[in-house]
N, C-alpha and C. Protein backbone atom coordinates (compact mmCIF):
# COMPACT_ATOMS: atom_id res chain seq x y z
N MET A 1 -25.20 -15.59 -7.91
CA MET A 1 -24.87 -14.31 -7.30
C MET A 1 -23.74 -14.47 -6.28
N LYS A 2 -23.68 -15.59 -5.58
CA LYS A 2 -22.64 -15.78 -4.58
C LYS A 2 -21.26 -15.88 -5.23
N ILE A 3 -21.18 -16.59 -6.36
CA ILE A 3 -19.90 -16.72 -7.05
C ILE A 3 -19.42 -15.36 -7.53
N ARG A 4 -20.34 -14.57 -8.01
CA ARG A 4 -19.99 -13.22 -8.48
C ARG A 4 -19.45 -12.37 -7.33
N ASN A 5 -20.12 -12.39 -6.19
CA ASN A 5 -19.66 -11.62 -5.03
C ASN A 5 -18.32 -12.14 -4.51
N LEU A 6 -18.15 -13.46 -4.51
CA LEU A 6 -16.87 -14.03 -4.08
C LEU A 6 -15.74 -13.61 -5.02
N THR A 7 -16.03 -13.60 -6.31
CA THR A 7 -15.02 -13.20 -7.29
C THR A 7 -14.64 -11.74 -7.13
N ILE A 8 -15.64 -10.89 -6.96
CA ILE A 8 -15.37 -9.45 -6.76
C ILE A 8 -14.57 -9.25 -5.48
N THR A 9 -14.95 -9.95 -4.41
CA THR A 9 -14.25 -9.83 -3.13
C THR A 9 -12.80 -10.27 -3.27
N ALA A 10 -12.57 -11.40 -3.93
CA ALA A 10 -11.20 -11.88 -4.13
C ALA A 10 -10.38 -10.90 -4.96
N PHE A 11 -10.99 -10.33 -5.98
CA PHE A 11 -10.32 -9.35 -6.82
C PHE A 11 -9.95 -8.10 -5.99
N LEU A 12 -10.86 -7.64 -5.15
CA LEU A 12 -10.59 -6.47 -4.32
C LEU A 12 -9.52 -6.76 -3.27
N ILE A 13 -9.50 -7.99 -2.73
CA ILE A 13 -8.45 -8.38 -1.79
C ILE A 13 -7.09 -8.31 -2.48
N ALA A 14 -7.02 -8.85 -3.70
CA ALA A 14 -5.75 -8.84 -4.44
C ALA A 14 -5.28 -7.41 -4.71
N ILE A 15 -6.19 -6.56 -5.15
CA ILE A 15 -5.83 -5.15 -5.40
C ILE A 15 -5.34 -4.50 -4.11
N ASN A 16 -6.05 -4.75 -3.02
CA ASN A 16 -5.72 -4.16 -1.73
C ASN A 16 -4.32 -4.57 -1.27
N VAL A 17 -4.04 -5.87 -1.31
CA VAL A 17 -2.76 -6.35 -0.81
C VAL A 17 -1.61 -5.83 -1.67
N VAL A 18 -1.77 -5.84 -2.98
CA VAL A 18 -0.70 -5.38 -3.87
C VAL A 18 -0.48 -3.87 -3.72
N LEU A 19 -1.55 -3.09 -3.82
CA LEU A 19 -1.38 -1.62 -3.74
C LEU A 19 -1.00 -1.15 -2.34
N SER A 20 -1.43 -1.87 -1.31
CA SER A 20 -1.06 -1.48 0.06
C SER A 20 0.41 -1.72 0.33
N SER A 21 1.03 -2.60 -0.44
CA SER A 21 2.47 -2.78 -0.27
C SER A 21 3.25 -1.66 -0.96
N LEU A 22 2.62 -1.01 -1.91
CA LEU A 22 3.27 0.09 -2.63
C LEU A 22 2.96 1.45 -2.02
N ILE A 23 1.75 1.62 -1.53
CA ILE A 23 1.30 2.91 -1.00
C ILE A 23 1.04 2.75 0.50
N VAL A 24 2.04 3.10 1.30
CA VAL A 24 1.93 2.97 2.75
C VAL A 24 2.48 4.24 3.38
N ILE A 25 1.80 4.70 4.42
CA ILE A 25 2.25 5.89 5.15
C ILE A 25 2.65 5.44 6.56
N PRO A 26 3.95 5.26 6.83
CA PRO A 26 4.37 4.81 8.16
C PRO A 26 4.27 5.95 9.17
N LEU A 27 3.53 5.70 10.23
CA LEU A 27 3.35 6.69 11.30
C LEU A 27 3.58 5.99 12.64
N GLY A 28 4.82 5.83 13.02
CA GLY A 28 5.14 5.12 14.25
C GLY A 28 4.77 3.65 14.12
N PRO A 29 4.01 3.11 15.09
CA PRO A 29 3.62 1.70 15.00
C PRO A 29 2.51 1.45 13.99
N ILE A 30 1.97 2.50 13.42
CA ILE A 30 0.85 2.39 12.49
C ILE A 30 1.38 2.49 11.07
N LYS A 31 0.86 1.64 10.22
CA LYS A 31 1.17 1.73 8.79
C LYS A 31 -0.13 2.07 8.09
N ALA A 32 -0.38 3.36 7.92
CA ALA A 32 -1.63 3.82 7.32
C ALA A 32 -1.67 3.44 5.85
N ALA A 33 -2.79 2.89 5.43
CA ALA A 33 -2.95 2.42 4.05
C ALA A 33 -4.23 2.99 3.46
N PRO A 34 -4.15 4.10 2.73
CA PRO A 34 -5.35 4.67 2.13
C PRO A 34 -6.04 3.70 1.16
N VAL A 35 -5.27 2.77 0.60
CA VAL A 35 -5.85 1.79 -0.33
C VAL A 35 -6.89 0.93 0.38
N GLN A 36 -6.65 0.59 1.64
CA GLN A 36 -7.63 -0.21 2.40
C GLN A 36 -8.97 0.50 2.47
N HIS A 37 -8.96 1.79 2.68
CA HIS A 37 -10.20 2.55 2.79
C HIS A 37 -10.87 2.70 1.43
N PHE A 38 -10.07 2.86 0.42
CA PHE A 38 -10.56 2.90 -0.96
C PHE A 38 -11.30 1.59 -1.28
N ILE A 39 -10.70 0.46 -0.96
CA ILE A 39 -11.30 -0.85 -1.21
C ILE A 39 -12.52 -1.06 -0.32
N ASN A 40 -12.48 -0.58 0.91
CA ASN A 40 -13.64 -0.74 1.81
C ASN A 40 -14.89 -0.08 1.25
N VAL A 41 -14.75 1.11 0.70
CA VAL A 41 -15.92 1.79 0.13
C VAL A 41 -16.41 1.06 -1.11
N LEU A 42 -15.48 0.57 -1.93
CA LEU A 42 -15.89 -0.22 -3.09
C LEU A 42 -16.65 -1.48 -2.66
N CYS A 43 -16.18 -2.13 -1.62
CA CYS A 43 -16.87 -3.32 -1.09
C CYS A 43 -18.27 -2.96 -0.59
N ALA A 44 -18.39 -1.83 0.07
CA ALA A 44 -19.69 -1.41 0.59
C ALA A 44 -20.69 -1.24 -0.54
N VAL A 45 -20.25 -0.70 -1.66
CA VAL A 45 -21.15 -0.44 -2.78
C VAL A 45 -21.39 -1.71 -3.60
N PHE A 46 -20.35 -2.50 -3.84
CA PHE A 46 -20.47 -3.63 -4.76
C PHE A 46 -20.94 -4.94 -4.12
N VAL A 47 -20.47 -5.26 -2.91
CA VAL A 47 -20.77 -6.59 -2.36
C VAL A 47 -21.45 -6.60 -1.00
N GLY A 48 -21.48 -5.50 -0.29
CA GLY A 48 -22.19 -5.45 0.98
C GLY A 48 -21.32 -5.75 2.20
N PRO A 49 -21.96 -5.79 3.36
CA PRO A 49 -21.21 -5.84 4.62
C PRO A 49 -20.49 -7.17 4.89
N TRP A 50 -21.10 -8.30 4.58
CA TRP A 50 -20.48 -9.57 4.97
C TRP A 50 -19.27 -9.90 4.11
N TYR A 51 -19.39 -9.70 2.82
CA TYR A 51 -18.24 -9.89 1.94
C TYR A 51 -17.19 -8.82 2.22
N GLY A 52 -17.64 -7.63 2.57
CA GLY A 52 -16.71 -6.55 2.93
C GLY A 52 -15.92 -6.89 4.18
N LEU A 53 -16.60 -7.45 5.17
CA LEU A 53 -15.89 -7.87 6.39
C LEU A 53 -14.88 -8.96 6.09
N ALA A 54 -15.26 -9.91 5.23
CA ALA A 54 -14.32 -10.97 4.84
C ALA A 54 -13.11 -10.37 4.13
N GLN A 55 -13.35 -9.42 3.26
CA GLN A 55 -12.27 -8.74 2.54
C GLN A 55 -11.34 -8.04 3.52
N ALA A 56 -11.90 -7.31 4.47
CA ALA A 56 -11.07 -6.57 5.44
C ALA A 56 -10.25 -7.53 6.30
N LEU A 57 -10.85 -8.62 6.73
CA LEU A 57 -10.14 -9.59 7.57
C LEU A 57 -9.01 -10.25 6.79
N ILE A 58 -9.31 -10.77 5.61
CA ILE A 58 -8.30 -11.47 4.81
C ILE A 58 -7.20 -10.50 4.37
N SER A 59 -7.57 -9.30 3.95
CA SER A 59 -6.57 -8.32 3.54
C SER A 59 -5.65 -7.95 4.70
N SER A 60 -6.22 -7.78 5.89
CA SER A 60 -5.40 -7.44 7.06
C SER A 60 -4.44 -8.57 7.40
N ILE A 61 -4.91 -9.80 7.36
CA ILE A 61 -4.05 -10.96 7.64
C ILE A 61 -2.91 -11.02 6.63
N LEU A 62 -3.23 -10.86 5.36
CA LEU A 62 -2.20 -10.93 4.32
C LEU A 62 -1.21 -9.77 4.44
N ARG A 63 -1.72 -8.57 4.69
CA ARG A 63 -0.83 -7.42 4.82
C ARG A 63 0.12 -7.58 6.01
N ILE A 64 -0.38 -8.10 7.11
CA ILE A 64 0.48 -8.32 8.29
C ILE A 64 1.50 -9.41 7.98
N SER A 65 1.08 -10.48 7.33
CA SER A 65 2.02 -11.56 7.02
C SER A 65 3.09 -11.13 6.01
N PHE A 66 2.79 -10.18 5.15
CA PHE A 66 3.77 -9.66 4.20
C PHE A 66 4.59 -8.50 4.77
N GLY A 67 4.25 -8.06 5.97
CA GLY A 67 4.99 -6.98 6.61
C GLY A 67 4.58 -5.58 6.18
N THR A 68 3.47 -5.46 5.48
CA THR A 68 3.02 -4.13 5.04
C THR A 68 1.87 -3.60 5.89
N GLY A 69 1.52 -4.30 6.93
CA GLY A 69 0.43 -3.87 7.80
C GLY A 69 0.80 -4.08 9.25
N SER A 70 -0.05 -3.60 10.13
CA SER A 70 0.15 -3.78 11.57
C SER A 70 -1.16 -4.34 12.16
N PRO A 71 -1.10 -4.84 13.38
CA PRO A 71 -2.33 -5.35 14.00
C PRO A 71 -3.44 -4.31 14.13
N PHE A 72 -3.08 -3.04 14.02
CA PHE A 72 -4.10 -1.98 14.09
C PHE A 72 -4.99 -1.98 12.85
N ALA A 73 -4.62 -2.75 11.84
CA ALA A 73 -5.44 -2.84 10.62
C ALA A 73 -6.77 -3.55 10.88
N PHE A 74 -6.79 -4.48 11.82
CA PHE A 74 -8.01 -5.25 12.05
C PHE A 74 -9.19 -4.40 12.50
N PRO A 75 -9.09 -3.72 13.65
CA PRO A 75 -10.28 -2.96 14.07
C PRO A 75 -10.62 -1.82 13.12
N GLY A 76 -9.61 -1.14 12.60
CA GLY A 76 -9.88 -0.01 11.71
C GLY A 76 -10.59 -0.42 10.44
N SER A 77 -10.04 -1.40 9.75
CA SER A 77 -10.61 -1.77 8.45
C SER A 77 -11.96 -2.48 8.61
N MET A 78 -12.08 -3.33 9.60
CA MET A 78 -13.32 -4.11 9.73
C MET A 78 -14.50 -3.24 10.18
N ILE A 79 -14.26 -2.35 11.13
CA ILE A 79 -15.33 -1.46 11.57
C ILE A 79 -15.66 -0.47 10.46
N GLY A 80 -14.64 -0.02 9.75
CA GLY A 80 -14.85 0.93 8.66
C GLY A 80 -15.71 0.35 7.55
N VAL A 81 -15.41 -0.86 7.10
CA VAL A 81 -16.19 -1.45 6.01
C VAL A 81 -17.60 -1.79 6.48
N LEU A 82 -17.76 -2.20 7.72
CA LEU A 82 -19.10 -2.51 8.22
C LEU A 82 -19.96 -1.25 8.27
N LEU A 83 -19.43 -0.18 8.83
CA LEU A 83 -20.21 1.07 8.92
C LEU A 83 -20.46 1.66 7.54
N SER A 84 -19.48 1.58 6.68
CA SER A 84 -19.64 2.06 5.31
C SER A 84 -20.76 1.30 4.60
N SER A 85 -20.77 0.00 4.75
CA SER A 85 -21.81 -0.83 4.11
C SER A 85 -23.19 -0.53 4.68
N LEU A 86 -23.26 -0.38 5.99
CA LEU A 86 -24.57 -0.11 6.62
C LEU A 86 -25.09 1.26 6.21
N PHE A 87 -24.20 2.28 6.17
CA PHE A 87 -24.63 3.60 5.72
C PHE A 87 -25.11 3.55 4.28
N TYR A 88 -24.39 2.79 3.44
CA TYR A 88 -24.78 2.70 2.03
C TYR A 88 -26.10 1.94 1.88
N MET A 89 -26.28 0.87 2.65
CA MET A 89 -27.54 0.11 2.58
C MET A 89 -28.73 0.97 3.02
N TYR A 90 -28.49 1.82 4.02
CA TYR A 90 -29.57 2.65 4.56
C TYR A 90 -29.96 3.78 3.61
N ARG A 91 -28.96 4.47 3.03
CA ARG A 91 -29.25 5.65 2.22
C ARG A 91 -29.10 5.44 0.71
N LYS A 92 -28.41 4.39 0.28
CA LYS A 92 -28.16 4.12 -1.14
C LYS A 92 -27.49 5.29 -1.83
N HIS A 93 -26.54 5.90 -1.15
CA HIS A 93 -25.82 7.03 -1.72
C HIS A 93 -24.33 6.81 -1.48
N ILE A 94 -23.53 7.05 -2.50
CA ILE A 94 -22.09 6.81 -2.44
C ILE A 94 -21.43 7.69 -1.37
N PHE A 95 -21.90 8.90 -1.23
CA PHE A 95 -21.34 9.81 -0.23
C PHE A 95 -21.48 9.21 1.17
N MET A 96 -22.62 8.58 1.44
CA MET A 96 -22.83 7.99 2.77
C MET A 96 -21.89 6.82 3.02
N ALA A 97 -21.56 6.08 1.97
CA ALA A 97 -20.59 4.99 2.12
C ALA A 97 -19.22 5.56 2.51
N SER A 98 -18.85 6.67 1.89
CA SER A 98 -17.57 7.31 2.21
C SER A 98 -17.57 7.86 3.63
N VAL A 99 -18.67 8.47 4.03
CA VAL A 99 -18.78 9.00 5.40
C VAL A 99 -18.71 7.85 6.42
N GLY A 100 -19.38 6.76 6.12
CA GLY A 100 -19.34 5.60 7.01
C GLY A 100 -17.94 5.05 7.19
N GLU A 101 -17.17 5.05 6.11
CA GLU A 101 -15.78 4.58 6.20
C GLU A 101 -14.94 5.51 7.08
N VAL A 102 -15.09 6.80 6.90
CA VAL A 102 -14.31 7.75 7.71
C VAL A 102 -14.71 7.67 9.18
N LEU A 103 -15.99 7.62 9.46
CA LEU A 103 -16.43 7.50 10.86
C LEU A 103 -16.04 6.15 11.47
N GLY A 104 -16.23 5.10 10.69
CA GLY A 104 -15.94 3.76 11.19
C GLY A 104 -14.46 3.55 11.46
N THR A 105 -13.62 3.96 10.54
CA THR A 105 -12.19 3.77 10.71
C THR A 105 -11.57 4.90 11.52
N GLY A 106 -11.84 6.14 11.11
CA GLY A 106 -11.18 7.28 11.72
C GLY A 106 -11.53 7.52 13.17
N VAL A 107 -12.77 7.28 13.53
CA VAL A 107 -13.20 7.55 14.91
C VAL A 107 -13.30 6.25 15.71
N ILE A 108 -14.24 5.39 15.33
CA ILE A 108 -14.50 4.18 16.12
C ILE A 108 -13.32 3.22 16.05
N GLY A 109 -12.79 2.99 14.84
CA GLY A 109 -11.66 2.07 14.69
C GLY A 109 -10.43 2.50 15.47
N SER A 110 -10.15 3.81 15.45
CA SER A 110 -8.98 4.29 16.19
C SER A 110 -9.18 4.15 17.70
N LEU A 111 -10.40 4.35 18.16
CA LEU A 111 -10.67 4.16 19.59
C LEU A 111 -10.58 2.69 19.98
N MET A 112 -10.95 1.79 19.07
CA MET A 112 -10.87 0.36 19.35
C MET A 112 -9.42 -0.13 19.36
N CYS A 113 -8.51 0.65 18.81
CA CYS A 113 -7.10 0.28 18.80
C CYS A 113 -6.42 0.53 20.14
N ILE A 114 -7.02 1.32 20.99
CA ILE A 114 -6.42 1.64 22.29
C ILE A 114 -6.25 0.39 23.14
N PRO A 115 -7.31 -0.42 23.34
CA PRO A 115 -7.11 -1.66 24.11
C PRO A 115 -6.11 -2.61 23.44
N LEU A 116 -6.09 -2.61 22.12
CA LEU A 116 -5.13 -3.45 21.39
C LEU A 116 -3.70 -2.99 21.67
N ALA A 117 -3.49 -1.68 21.71
CA ALA A 117 -2.16 -1.14 22.01
C ALA A 117 -1.74 -1.50 23.43
N TRP A 118 -2.66 -1.41 24.37
CA TRP A 118 -2.34 -1.79 25.74
C TRP A 118 -2.00 -3.27 25.83
N PHE A 119 -2.75 -4.08 25.10
CA PHE A 119 -2.51 -5.52 25.09
C PHE A 119 -1.13 -5.83 24.50
N MET A 120 -0.70 -5.02 23.53
CA MET A 120 0.61 -5.21 22.90
C MET A 120 1.75 -4.62 23.72
N GLY A 121 1.44 -4.03 24.87
CA GLY A 121 2.47 -3.50 25.76
C GLY A 121 2.83 -2.05 25.50
N MET A 122 1.98 -1.33 24.81
CA MET A 122 2.24 0.08 24.53
C MET A 122 1.41 0.92 25.50
N GLU A 123 1.84 0.97 26.77
CA GLU A 123 1.07 1.68 27.79
C GLU A 123 1.02 3.18 27.55
N ASP A 124 2.06 3.72 26.96
CA ASP A 124 2.11 5.17 26.73
C ASP A 124 1.59 5.54 25.33
N PHE A 125 0.68 4.76 24.85
CA PHE A 125 0.11 4.95 23.51
C PHE A 125 -0.82 6.15 23.52
N PHE A 126 -0.65 7.05 22.56
CA PHE A 126 -1.43 8.28 22.52
C PHE A 126 -2.58 8.16 21.53
N VAL A 127 -3.75 8.63 21.93
CA VAL A 127 -4.95 8.50 21.12
C VAL A 127 -4.99 9.51 19.98
N LYS A 128 -4.64 10.75 20.24
CA LYS A 128 -4.77 11.80 19.22
C LYS A 128 -3.95 11.52 17.95
N PRO A 129 -2.66 11.15 18.07
CA PRO A 129 -1.92 10.85 16.83
C PRO A 129 -2.52 9.67 16.07
N LEU A 130 -2.99 8.68 16.80
CA LEU A 130 -3.61 7.52 16.15
C LEU A 130 -4.87 7.93 15.41
N MET A 131 -5.70 8.71 16.05
CA MET A 131 -6.95 9.13 15.43
C MET A 131 -6.67 10.03 14.22
N ILE A 132 -5.70 10.90 14.33
CA ILE A 132 -5.36 11.77 13.20
C ILE A 132 -4.85 10.94 12.02
N ALA A 133 -4.00 9.96 12.31
CA ALA A 133 -3.46 9.11 11.24
C ALA A 133 -4.57 8.32 10.56
N PHE A 134 -5.47 7.75 11.36
CA PHE A 134 -6.58 6.99 10.80
C PHE A 134 -7.53 7.89 10.01
N MET A 135 -7.78 9.09 10.52
CA MET A 135 -8.67 10.02 9.83
C MET A 135 -8.08 10.45 8.49
N VAL A 136 -6.82 10.83 8.48
CA VAL A 136 -6.18 11.28 7.24
C VAL A 136 -6.19 10.15 6.21
N SER A 137 -5.80 8.97 6.63
CA SER A 137 -5.76 7.83 5.72
C SER A 137 -7.15 7.48 5.18
N SER A 138 -8.15 7.47 6.07
CA SER A 138 -9.50 7.10 5.63
C SER A 138 -10.13 8.18 4.75
N VAL A 139 -9.82 9.44 5.02
CA VAL A 139 -10.36 10.51 4.17
C VAL A 139 -9.76 10.42 2.77
N ILE A 140 -8.46 10.17 2.68
CA ILE A 140 -7.81 10.05 1.36
C ILE A 140 -8.42 8.89 0.58
N GLY A 141 -8.48 7.71 1.19
CA GLY A 141 -9.02 6.54 0.50
C GLY A 141 -10.48 6.69 0.15
N SER A 142 -11.27 7.23 1.05
CA SER A 142 -12.70 7.42 0.79
C SER A 142 -12.94 8.44 -0.31
N LEU A 143 -12.16 9.48 -0.34
CA LEU A 143 -12.30 10.50 -1.38
C LEU A 143 -11.97 9.93 -2.76
N ILE A 144 -10.92 9.15 -2.86
CA ILE A 144 -10.56 8.52 -4.13
C ILE A 144 -11.67 7.60 -4.61
N SER A 145 -12.19 6.77 -3.71
CA SER A 145 -13.26 5.84 -4.11
C SER A 145 -14.54 6.60 -4.46
N TYR A 146 -14.82 7.67 -3.74
CA TYR A 146 -16.00 8.48 -4.04
C TYR A 146 -15.92 9.05 -5.45
N ILE A 147 -14.77 9.59 -5.79
CA ILE A 147 -14.59 10.18 -7.12
C ILE A 147 -14.74 9.12 -8.20
N ILE A 148 -14.12 7.97 -8.01
CA ILE A 148 -14.21 6.89 -9.01
C ILE A 148 -15.65 6.38 -9.14
N LEU A 149 -16.32 6.20 -8.02
CA LEU A 149 -17.71 5.71 -8.07
C LEU A 149 -18.65 6.73 -8.69
N ILE A 150 -18.43 8.01 -8.45
CA ILE A 150 -19.26 9.05 -9.08
C ILE A 150 -19.05 9.06 -10.59
N ILE A 151 -17.80 8.91 -11.02
CA ILE A 151 -17.52 8.85 -12.46
C ILE A 151 -18.23 7.64 -13.08
N LEU A 152 -18.14 6.49 -12.43
CA LEU A 152 -18.83 5.29 -12.93
C LEU A 152 -20.34 5.50 -12.97
N LYS A 153 -20.88 6.15 -11.97
CA LYS A 153 -22.32 6.39 -11.91
C LYS A 153 -22.76 7.33 -13.03
N ARG A 154 -22.01 8.39 -13.26
CA ARG A 154 -22.38 9.36 -14.30
C ARG A 154 -22.33 8.74 -15.69
N ARG A 155 -21.46 7.79 -15.88
CA ARG A 155 -21.36 7.11 -17.18
C ARG A 155 -22.33 5.94 -17.30
N GLY A 156 -23.08 5.67 -16.25
CA GLY A 156 -24.05 4.59 -16.27
C GLY A 156 -23.47 3.21 -16.04
N LEU A 157 -22.19 3.14 -15.75
CA LEU A 157 -21.54 1.85 -15.55
C LEU A 157 -21.82 1.25 -14.18
N LEU A 158 -22.04 2.07 -13.19
CA LEU A 158 -22.31 1.56 -11.84
C LEU A 158 -23.64 0.81 -11.81
N ASP A 159 -24.67 1.35 -12.44
CA ASP A 159 -25.96 0.66 -12.46
C ASP A 159 -25.89 -0.63 -13.25
N LYS A 160 -25.17 -0.63 -14.37
CA LYS A 160 -25.01 -1.85 -15.17
C LYS A 160 -24.29 -2.92 -14.38
N PHE A 161 -23.26 -2.51 -13.66
CA PHE A 161 -22.48 -3.45 -12.89
C PHE A 161 -23.28 -4.07 -11.76
N LYS A 162 -24.10 -3.27 -11.11
CA LYS A 162 -24.87 -3.75 -9.97
C LYS A 162 -26.09 -4.59 -10.36
N LYS A 163 -26.61 -4.42 -11.60
CA LYS A 163 -27.77 -5.18 -12.05
C LYS A 163 -27.42 -6.63 -12.36
N LYS A 164 -26.23 -6.86 -12.83
CA LYS A 164 -25.86 -8.22 -13.27
C LYS A 164 -25.61 -9.14 -12.11
């Protein structure tokens, strides 16, 4: 089971890094990546919180090293995938995983970026634009993953995938 989860996590990291370099919404110092939120919800459903956290950390490091991400990716993506996974573990419903991602990234993650911005020397950093950018990006990514996961569930593929 561990090899399977590691393989899925590595595959999701690769998808995230490649698609995040193609689909990026630059908003000042923030590079919003709806793909990260899409992958976070998939991680919550397929591999759980610990592999999801590893995916968010490694994806953020790679995206920053390739120039397609910013340091704001760390708190947003990691808190988002953790909350998404916990909501999904608690309720076992795809919608709750999506809600957890939006709350984790859009609200908590954006608030956690404020001390990071101050540390980076951005004293005049504004909270509202950051929160709006994180919310829009996380809603887009969560909605896409929700639709895909619902389609997989209706066709019976989600249960088959999770049983193996």
